[in-house]
Amino acid sequence: MKILVVGGGGREHAIASALARNRKTALYSVMAKKNYGISKLAEKVLLCRETDLPRIVAFAQENGIEYAFIGSESPLEAGIVDALESVNIPCVGPTKAAARIETDKGFCRRLMEEHQIDGCPKYRLCQNSAEAIAFINEHDGDLVIKPVGLTGGKGVKIMGEQVDRAGAIAYAAQIKGSIILEERLIGEEFTLQAFVDGTHLIPMPLVQDHKRAFDGDTGPNTGGMGSYTMPDHMLPFVTKTECARAFGIMQAIVEALARTGHPYKGILYGQFMNTAKGIKVIEFNARFGDPEAMNVLSLLTSDLSEIVVRITSGTLTSAQVTFEKKATVCKYLVPEGYPDAPHAGDPVHVGDTNGAITYYANAEERDGSLVTLTSRTLAFVGKGDTLEAAERIAERAAASVRGPVRYRKDIGTDELLKQRIAHMKELR
């Protein structure tokens, strides 16, 4: 079976690694920059913009690709699924219209409102910065300021936490195009991802991501510095009832999209906030999270290639999806200056990874050495019977790397988890 993976980050390396466990799967890759890990797994690699649809379609046809797995959001926004499926190559990924659940935040909120889907925060869709600034000036209370389009996980500013009212106005003034202003939610974030075949949703283990750049949840937002899962696939500050409600919201989203004539196939990512008033939706993504994909795919015990077939044929059942009952901790290493002024071109040397799983992201090989580029460099996933055991493996691997890179030492630690539990207990 020939499967094309589109995207060249750590998330796509995790996808490729999971697919490669099936020895009958031949991997092909399209990515903008050569991923050190994916290139070692792929039969053939096309280096081009991931939104260059004519080149990607031609590459797929020339190589007899049977299925495609779309890893990143930009090609989804460009309509890569529509283009590939027009030449009879089924995809794990939604069409351009269905992908608007991620690529157009205004569309997402309107869909939730029109179909009376739970968990939608109070919001205001502003057509331009002037309208947004006027609302910020008039509004009594903190707001979250979001550009409507894609921002790579780094475009959100939280008034009352990251910026004051003057800072919120200054940020809104910089944004081109439409802006979403939402009520500021207080609680604990968690991620629920699901495989979707158009009708059926099969959930994955709950994950908590860490967006802030530095230990203690300080510094600017990033694409994600790391994440963890628990052995029971839950999180200690999310009850089974709350998890079921989040899953129900995702089911309602898929049903609403189907009713609007845009059935959803692929990976649906729900980022939720567990608040004193219940579950609220922060956002949906139309693909795996990065780093969350590395946690759940490291635990996947079933055949991802078979899941690809089942998703694209609309025949997915829970019997085809199984995960190890273990904890995982993912720690991302990033170049100096990340995310505001990342320094590229520095060599890094990986030492003894101590049994951790290594996923390469934004790094390249030069003269036999691995060097940093301008985004997250590589990630280590520790897997263990307990969170403590998993964190220890990931920490030792991360600490083994020599070079001008850094990582968050507190991700997956007992101390940080206790803070999460205490925060949620206080809110309740």
Protein backbone atom coordinates (compact mmCIF):
# COMPACT_ATOMS: atom_id res chain seq x y z
CA MET A 1 0.00 0.00 0.00
CA LYS A 2 1.44 3.38 -1.04
CA ILE A 3 0.60 6.22 1.35
CA LEU A 4 1.63 9.85 0.91
CA VAL A 5 2.24 11.92 4.06
CA VAL A 6 1.99 15.68 3.49
CA GLY A 7 3.96 17.82 5.96
CA GLY A 8 7.44 17.84 7.42
CA GLY A 9 7.19 18.50 11.16
CA GLY A 10 7.37 16.42 14.31
CA ARG A 11 3.68 15.58 13.94
CA GLU A 12 4.24 14.18 10.45
CA HIS A 13 7.28 12.19 11.64
CA ALA A 14 4.99 10.60 14.24
CA ILE A 15 2.41 9.82 11.55
CA ALA A 16 5.06 8.36 9.24
CA SER A 17 6.57 6.28 12.06
CA ALA A 18 3.17 4.83 12.96
CA LEU A 19 2.40 4.00 9.33
CA ALA A 20 5.84 2.41 8.88
CA ARG A 21 5.07 -0.20 11.55
CA ASN A 22 3.12 -1.97 8.81
CA ARG A 23 5.87 -3.47 6.67
CA LYS A 24 3.52 -3.64 3.68
CA THR A 25 3.12 0.15 3.68
CA ALA A 26 5.36 2.12 1.32
CA LEU A 27 5.72 5.71 2.49
CA TYR A 28 6.05 8.77 0.27
CA SER A 29 6.49 12.30 1.52
CA VAL A 30 5.85 15.91 0.50
CA MET A 31 7.37 18.62 2.66
CA ALA A 32 8.76 22.12 2.35
CA LYS A 33 12.02 21.29 4.16
CA LYS A 34 13.64 17.90 4.51
CA ASN A 35 12.71 16.19 7.76
CA TYR A 36 15.61 14.11 8.99
CA GLY A 37 13.37 11.38 10.43
CA ILE A 38 10.76 11.14 7.66
CA SER A 39 13.40 11.04 4.93
CA LYS A 40 14.81 7.84 6.43
CA LEU A 41 11.39 6.17 6.31
CA ALA A 42 10.14 7.35 2.91
CA GLU A 43 10.63 5.62 -0.43
CA LYS A 44 10.66 9.01 -2.15
CA VAL A 45 10.48 12.64 -1.01
CA LEU A 46 9.22 15.70 -2.89
CA LEU A 47 10.55 18.97 -1.49
CA CYS A 48 8.12 21.74 -2.36
CA ARG A 49 5.63 24.09 -0.79
CA GLU A 50 2.92 22.03 0.89
CA THR A 51 0.33 24.25 -0.84
CA ASP A 52 1.71 23.65 -4.37
CA LEU A 53 -1.24 21.48 -5.33
CA PRO A 54 -0.36 20.82 -9.01
CA ARG A 55 3.12 19.52 -8.10
CA ILE A 56 1.78 17.39 -5.26
CA VAL A 57 -0.98 15.87 -7.39
CA ALA A 58 1.50 15.13 -10.18
CA PHE A 59 3.92 13.53 -7.71
CA ALA A 60 1.14 11.37 -6.30
CA GLN A 61 -0.01 10.22 -9.72
CA GLU A 62 3.54 9.54 -10.97
CA ASN A 63 4.18 7.30 -7.97
CA GLY A 64 0.88 5.45 -7.91
CA ILE A 65 -0.15 6.78 -4.50
CA GLU A 66 -3.21 4.98 -3.13
CA TYR A 67 -3.95 7.10 -0.05
CA ALA A 68 -2.81 10.43 1.38
CA PHE A 69 -2.52 11.52 5.02
CA ILE A 70 -2.56 15.31 5.37
CA GLY A 71 -0.58 16.32 8.44
CA SER A 72 -0.58 20.12 8.47
CA GLU A 73 -3.25 22.80 8.18
CA SER A 74 -1.96 24.99 5.34
CA PRO A 75 -2.51 22.42 2.58
CA LEU A 76 -5.98 21.70 3.97
CA GLU A 77 -6.81 25.39 3.69
CA ALA A 78 -5.49 25.36 0.11
CA GLY A 79 -7.79 22.47 -0.82
CA ILE A 80 -5.32 19.61 -1.13
CA VAL A 81 -7.96 16.99 -0.29
CA ASP A 82 -10.26 18.26 -3.03
CA ALA A 83 -7.35 18.19 -5.51
CA LEU A 84 -6.17 14.67 -4.63
CA GLU A 85 -9.65 13.19 -4.45
CA SER A 86 -10.43 14.66 -7.88
CA VAL A 87 -7.85 12.18 -9.25
CA ASN A 88 -9.22 9.32 -7.11
CA ILE A 89 -6.69 9.45 -4.27
CA PRO A 90 -8.67 9.21 -1.00
CA CYS A 91 -7.37 11.27 1.91
CA VAL A 92 -7.23 11.32 5.67
CA GLY A 93 -8.14 14.97 5.99
CA PRO A 94 -11.23 17.11 5.38
CA THR A 95 -12.12 18.98 2.23
CA LYS A 96 -11.40 22.70 2.02
CA ALA A 97 -14.99 23.47 3.00
CA ALA A 98 -15.00 21.14 6.02
CA ALA A 99 -11.54 22.30 7.11
CA ARG A 100 -13.00 25.74 7.77
CA ILE A 101 -13.73 24.40 11.25
CA GLU A 102 -10.06 25.32 11.81
CA THR A 103 -9.12 27.73 9.06
CA ASP A 104 -11.98 30.19 9.70
CA LYS A 105 -12.70 30.81 13.39
CA GLY A 106 -15.75 32.88 12.48
CA PHE A 107 -17.19 29.93 10.54
CA CYS A 108 -16.60 27.66 13.54
CA ARG A 109 -18.39 29.93 16.00
CA ARG A 110 -21.30 30.56 13.64
CA LEU A 111 -21.67 26.81 13.03
CA MET A 112 -21.82 26.18 16.78
CA GLU A 113 -24.33 28.98 17.26
CA GLU A 114 -26.59 28.07 14.34
CA HIS A 115 -26.72 24.38 15.29
CA GLN A 116 -27.00 25.10 19.03
CA ILE A 117 -23.87 23.14 19.89
CA ASP A 118 -22.78 23.26 23.53
CA GLY A 119 -19.59 24.88 24.73
CA CYS A 120 -19.49 27.99 22.55
CA PRO A 121 -18.06 30.93 24.51
CA LYS A 122 -19.50 34.42 24.15
CA TYR A 123 -17.88 36.04 21.12
CA ARG A 124 -17.92 39.00 18.76
CA LEU A 125 -16.87 38.70 15.11
CA CYS A 126 -15.34 41.98 13.95
CA GLN A 127 -14.72 42.67 10.27
CA ASN A 128 -11.65 44.84 10.86
CA SER A 129 -9.34 46.23 13.53
CA ALA A 130 -11.31 49.48 13.93
CA GLU A 131 -14.46 47.56 14.83
CA ALA A 132 -12.49 45.34 17.23
CA ILE A 133 -10.85 48.32 18.95
CA ALA A 134 -14.21 50.01 19.45
CA PHE A 135 -15.58 46.86 21.09
CA ILE A 136 -12.52 46.46 23.34
CA ASN A 137 -12.92 50.06 24.50
CA GLU A 138 -16.59 49.57 25.31
CA HIS A 139 -16.35 46.08 26.83
CA ASP A 140 -16.18 45.68 30.60
CA GLY A 141 -13.97 42.66 31.30
CA ASP A 142 -11.12 40.67 29.82
CA LEU A 143 -11.13 39.34 26.27
CA VAL A 144 -9.24 36.92 24.06
CA ILE A 145 -8.13 38.44 20.75
CA LYS A 146 -7.78 36.04 17.79
CA PRO A 147 -7.21 36.59 14.07
CA VAL A 148 -9.88 34.65 12.15
CA GLY A 149 -7.36 32.74 10.01
CA LEU A 150 -4.44 30.40 10.69
CA THR A 151 -1.72 31.59 13.05
CA GLY A 152 0.33 28.44 13.75
CA GLY A 153 -0.84 28.39 17.37
CA LYS A 154 0.88 31.71 18.13
CA GLY A 155 -1.71 34.35 17.19
CA VAL A 156 -3.79 34.55 20.36
CA LYS A 157 -3.46 37.33 22.95
CA ILE A 158 -5.22 37.11 26.30
CA MET A 159 -6.26 40.38 27.89
CA GLY A 160 -5.72 40.31 31.65
CA GLU A 161 -2.97 37.70 31.35
CA GLN A 162 -0.60 38.54 28.50
CA VAL A 163 -1.63 42.10 27.73
CA ASP A 164 -3.59 44.94 29.35
CA ARG A 165 -6.35 46.87 27.59
CA ALA A 166 -3.85 49.14 25.84
CA GLY A 167 -1.85 46.09 24.70
CA ALA A 168 -5.03 44.41 23.43
CA ILE A 169 -5.89 47.50 21.39
CA ALA A 170 -2.35 47.70 20.01
CA TYR A 171 -2.45 44.02 19.02
CA ALA A 172 -5.87 44.34 17.37
CA ALA A 173 -4.56 47.32 15.37
CA GLN A 174 -1.84 45.08 13.86
CA ILE A 175 -4.21 42.38 12.62
CA LYS A 176 -5.19 42.41 8.95
CA GLY A 177 -8.69 41.17 8.22
CA SER A 178 -11.40 39.86 10.52
CA ILE A 179 -10.91 39.40 14.26
CA ILE A 180 -12.68 37.24 16.82
CA LEU A 181 -13.08 38.66 20.32
CA GLU A 182 -14.10 36.09 22.94
CA GLU A 183 -14.76 36.03 26.65
CA ARG A 184 -11.68 35.04 28.63
CA LEU A 185 -12.10 31.50 29.95
CA ILE A 186 -10.59 30.47 33.28
CA GLY A 187 -9.89 26.79 33.85
CA GLU A 188 -7.72 23.91 32.69
CA GLU A 189 -7.16 23.19 29.02
CA PHE A 190 -7.20 19.69 27.56
CA THR A 191 -7.13 18.15 24.11
CA LEU A 192 -9.38 15.39 22.78
CA GLN A 193 -8.61 14.05 19.30
CA ALA A 194 -10.66 11.59 17.27
CA PHE A 195 -10.45 9.57 14.09
CA VAL A 196 -13.48 10.45 11.93
CA ASP A 197 -14.78 8.55 8.88
CA GLY A 198 -17.58 10.95 8.00
CA THR A 199 -20.03 9.46 10.50
CA HIS A 200 -18.19 7.59 13.23
CA LEU A 201 -15.79 9.21 15.72
CA ILE A 202 -13.27 7.09 17.64
CA PRO A 203 -11.66 9.03 20.51
CA MET A 204 -8.00 9.00 21.48
CA PRO A 205 -6.40 9.47 24.92
CA LEU A 206 -6.79 12.91 26.50
CA VAL A 207 -3.68 15.12 26.26
CA GLN A 208 -2.63 18.34 27.93
CA ASP A 209 -0.38 20.62 25.86
CA HIS A 210 1.85 23.40 27.20
CA LYS A 211 1.86 26.47 24.94
CA ARG A 212 3.95 28.86 27.01
CA ALA A 213 7.64 29.09 26.19
CA PHE A 214 9.14 28.76 29.66
CA ASP A 215 8.81 26.74 32.87
CA GLY A 216 5.92 27.70 35.10
CA ASP A 217 3.71 28.56 32.11
CA THR A 218 5.48 31.87 31.55
CA GLY A 219 6.56 33.67 28.38
CA PRO A 220 4.88 33.99 24.97
CA ASN A 221 2.70 31.37 23.31
CA THR A 222 4.46 28.84 21.09
CA GLY A 223 3.40 26.05 18.77
CA GLY A 224 3.58 23.80 21.85
CA MET A 225 6.54 23.00 24.12
CA GLY A 226 5.36 19.53 25.10
CA SER A 227 2.47 17.47 26.37
CA TYR A 228 1.55 14.43 28.42
CA THR A 229 -1.04 11.65 28.76
CA MET A 230 -1.97 9.44 31.72
CA PRO A 231 -2.05 5.60 31.87
CA ASP A 232 -5.87 5.52 32.02
CA HIS A 233 -6.11 7.86 28.99
CA MET A 234 -7.93 10.44 31.15
CA LEU A 235 -6.66 13.51 33.02
CA PRO A 236 -7.09 13.86 36.79
CA PHE A 237 -8.88 17.22 36.49
CA VAL A 238 -11.39 15.99 33.88
CA THR A 239 -14.23 13.72 35.01
CA LYS A 240 -15.69 10.99 32.81
CA THR A 241 -18.85 13.06 32.49
CA GLU A 242 -16.86 16.10 31.35
CA CYS A 243 -14.91 13.99 28.85
CA ALA A 244 -18.17 12.56 27.50
CA ARG A 245 -19.54 16.07 27.09
CA ALA A 246 -16.44 17.15 25.12
CA PHE A 247 -16.79 14.09 22.90
CA GLY A 248 -20.48 14.86 22.40
CA ILE A 249 -19.59 18.37 21.24
CA MET A 250 -17.21 16.89 18.66
CA GLN A 251 -19.92 14.49 17.46
CA ALA A 252 -22.32 17.41 17.11
CA ILE A 253 -19.75 19.33 15.03
CA VAL A 254 -19.34 16.39 12.62
CA GLU A 255 -23.13 16.02 12.35
CA ALA A 256 -23.54 19.76 11.70
CA LEU A 257 -20.92 19.70 8.95
CA ALA A 258 -22.66 16.73 7.33
CA ARG A 259 -25.99 18.61 7.41
CA THR A 260 -24.37 21.57 5.65
CA GLY A 261 -23.21 19.25 2.86
CA HIS A 262 -19.58 18.98 3.94
CA PRO A 263 -18.99 15.55 5.53
CA TYR A 264 -15.85 15.43 7.67
CA LYS A 265 -13.17 12.74 7.30
CA GLY A 266 -9.78 12.70 8.96
CA ILE A 267 -8.55 13.77 12.38
CA LEU A 268 -10.67 16.13 14.46
CA TYR A 269 -8.84 17.94 17.25
CA GLY A 270 -10.85 19.56 20.00
CA GLN A 271 -9.16 21.94 22.41
CA PHE A 272 -11.36 22.49 25.44
CA MET A 273 -11.31 24.54 28.62
CA ASN A 274 -12.71 22.90 31.73
CA THR A 275 -14.26 25.82 33.62
CA ALA A 276 -16.37 26.32 36.73
CA LYS A 277 -19.34 26.62 34.35
CA GLY A 278 -18.54 23.45 32.42
CA ILE A 279 -16.75 22.53 29.19
CA LYS A 280 -16.04 25.34 26.71
CA VAL A 281 -14.54 25.07 23.22
CA ILE A 282 -11.31 26.98 22.67
CA GLU A 283 -10.91 25.78 19.08
CA PHE A 284 -11.07 22.87 16.68
CA ASN A 285 -8.24 21.79 14.42
CA ALA A 286 -8.74 19.79 11.24
CA ARG A 287 -5.68 17.58 11.84
CA PHE A 288 -3.53 16.13 14.62
CA GLY A 289 -2.06 18.51 17.16
CA ASP A 290 1.66 19.02 17.32
CA PRO A 291 2.90 17.83 19.85
CA GLU A 292 -0.24 15.86 20.85
CA ALA A 293 0.09 13.53 17.84
CA MET A 294 3.40 12.29 19.23
CA ASN A 295 1.78 11.24 22.51
CA VAL A 296 -1.17 9.35 21.10
CA LEU A 297 0.59 7.78 18.11
CA SER A 298 3.36 6.51 20.38
CA LEU A 299 0.61 4.63 22.26
CA LEU A 300 -1.29 3.37 19.20
CA THR A 301 -1.14 -0.44 19.08
CA SER A 302 -3.42 -0.95 16.08
CA ASP A 303 -2.43 -0.59 12.44
CA LEU A 304 -2.58 3.06 11.33
CA SER A 305 -2.54 1.97 7.68
CA GLU A 306 -5.70 -0.04 8.28
CA ILE A 307 -7.25 2.97 10.03
CA VAL A 308 -6.45 5.05 6.92
CA VAL A 309 -8.38 2.58 4.76
CA ARG A 310 -11.30 2.51 7.18
CA ILE A 311 -11.52 6.32 7.48
CA THR A 312 -11.52 6.84 3.73
CA SER A 313 -14.09 4.10 3.12
CA GLY A 314 -16.39 5.25 5.95
CA THR A 315 -16.16 1.91 7.80
CA LEU A 316 -14.21 2.77 10.96
CA THR A 317 -15.18 1.08 14.23
CA SER A 318 -13.67 1.12 17.71
CA ALA A 319 -12.39 -2.44 17.13
CA GLN A 320 -9.75 -1.04 14.73
CA VAL A 321 -8.38 1.51 17.24
CA THR A 322 -6.46 0.46 20.36
CA PHE A 323 -3.92 2.23 22.58
CA GLU A 324 -1.46 1.06 25.23
CA LYS A 325 -2.50 1.78 28.80
CA LYS A 326 0.64 3.76 29.55
CA ALA A 327 1.60 7.34 30.27
CA THR A 328 3.56 9.50 27.85
CA VAL A 329 5.52 12.72 28.23
CA CYS A 330 6.66 14.73 25.21
CA LYS A 331 9.34 17.42 25.55
CA TYR A 332 10.20 19.66 22.60
CA LEU A 333 13.66 21.16 22.15
CA VAL A 334 13.67 24.58 20.51
CA PRO A 335 16.44 26.89 19.22
CA GLU A 336 17.71 29.84 21.21
CA GLY A 337 15.38 32.82 20.91
CA TYR A 338 12.29 30.74 20.09
CA PRO A 339 9.53 31.78 19.48
CA ASP A 340 10.16 35.52 18.99
CA ALA A 341 13.68 35.52 17.48
CA PRO A 342 14.81 31.91 16.88
CA HIS A 343 18.44 31.40 15.86
CA ALA A 344 19.07 29.00 12.99
CA GLY A 345 22.15 27.14 11.80
CA ASP A 346 23.48 25.92 15.15
CA PRO A 347 24.66 22.30 15.43
CA VAL A 348 23.04 20.04 18.01
CA HIS A 349 24.24 16.63 19.16
CA VAL A 350 21.85 14.02 20.56
CA GLY A 351 23.32 11.83 23.30
CA ASP A 352 21.89 8.71 24.95
CA THR A 353 18.12 8.91 24.50
CA ASN A 354 17.56 6.34 27.25
CA GLY A 355 14.70 4.53 25.52
CA ALA A 356 12.82 7.71 24.57
CA ILE A 357 11.18 7.91 21.14
CA THR A 358 12.76 10.62 18.99
CA TYR A 359 10.68 12.69 16.58
CA TYR A 360 12.48 15.19 14.33
CA ALA A 361 10.84 18.48 13.43
CA ASN A 362 12.46 21.68 12.12
CA ALA A 363 16.10 20.63 11.77
CA GLU A 364 18.30 19.57 8.90
CA GLU A 365 21.43 17.54 8.33
CA ARG A 366 24.53 19.44 7.19
CA ASP A 367 27.89 17.74 6.80
CA GLY A 368 26.83 14.90 9.05
CA SER A 369 25.52 17.16 11.82
CA LEU A 370 22.00 18.11 12.82
CA VAL A 371 21.45 21.89 12.82
CA THR A 372 18.63 24.07 14.05
CA LEU A 373 16.25 25.95 11.78
CA THR A 374 13.73 28.60 12.88
CA SER A 375 11.07 26.50 14.60
CA ARG A 376 10.93 23.60 17.05
CA THR A 377 13.90 21.28 16.53
CA LEU A 378 13.04 17.80 17.77
CA ALA A 379 11.00 16.09 20.47
CA PHE A 380 11.43 13.17 22.82
CA VAL A 381 8.56 11.03 24.05
CA GLY A 382 8.98 8.97 27.17
CA LYS A 383 6.54 6.12 27.72
CA GLY A 384 6.02 4.36 31.04
CA ASP A 385 3.62 2.64 33.40
CA THR A 386 3.36 5.88 35.38
CA LEU A 387 3.62 9.55 34.52
CA GLU A 388 6.73 9.77 36.70
CA ALA A 389 8.45 6.97 34.76
CA ALA A 390 7.52 8.51 31.39
CA GLU A 391 8.74 11.96 32.46
CA ARG A 392 12.04 10.56 33.67
CA ILE A 393 12.72 8.95 30.29
CA ALA A 394 11.82 12.10 28.33
CA GLU A 395 13.84 14.33 30.69
CA ARG A 396 17.01 12.24 30.45
CA ALA A 397 16.80 12.21 26.66
CA ALA A 398 16.24 15.97 26.47
CA ALA A 399 19.09 16.63 28.88
CA SER A 400 21.42 14.54 26.70
CA VAL A 401 21.29 17.04 23.82
CA ARG A 402 24.24 19.39 23.45
CA GLY A 403 23.94 22.69 21.62
CA PRO A 404 22.13 26.05 21.82
CA VAL A 405 18.66 24.60 22.38
CA ARG A 406 16.35 24.58 25.38
CA TYR A 407 13.23 22.83 26.63
CA ARG A 408 10.73 22.97 29.47
CA LYS A 409 11.85 20.81 32.36
CA ASP A 410 8.50 20.99 34.18
CA ILE A 411 6.30 19.23 31.60
CA GLY A 412 4.98 15.95 32.96
CA THR A 413 6.29 16.52 36.48
CA ASP A 414 4.26 15.63 39.55
CA GLU A 415 4.55 19.19 40.84
CA LEU A 416 2.96 20.70 37.74
CA LEU A 417 0.19 18.08 37.69
CA LYS A 418 -0.67 18.79 41.33
CA GLN A 419 -0.99 22.49 40.45
CA ARG A 420 -3.47 21.61 37.67
CA ILE A 421 -5.54 19.44 40.00
CA ALA A 422 -5.55 22.09 42.75
CA HIS A 423 -6.54 24.82 40.27
CA MET A 424 -9.51 22.80 39.02
CA LYS A 425 -10.53 21.87 42.55
CA GLU A 426 -10.52 25.54 43.51
CA LEU A 427 -12.67 26.46 40.51
CA ARG A 428 -15.19 23.74 41.23
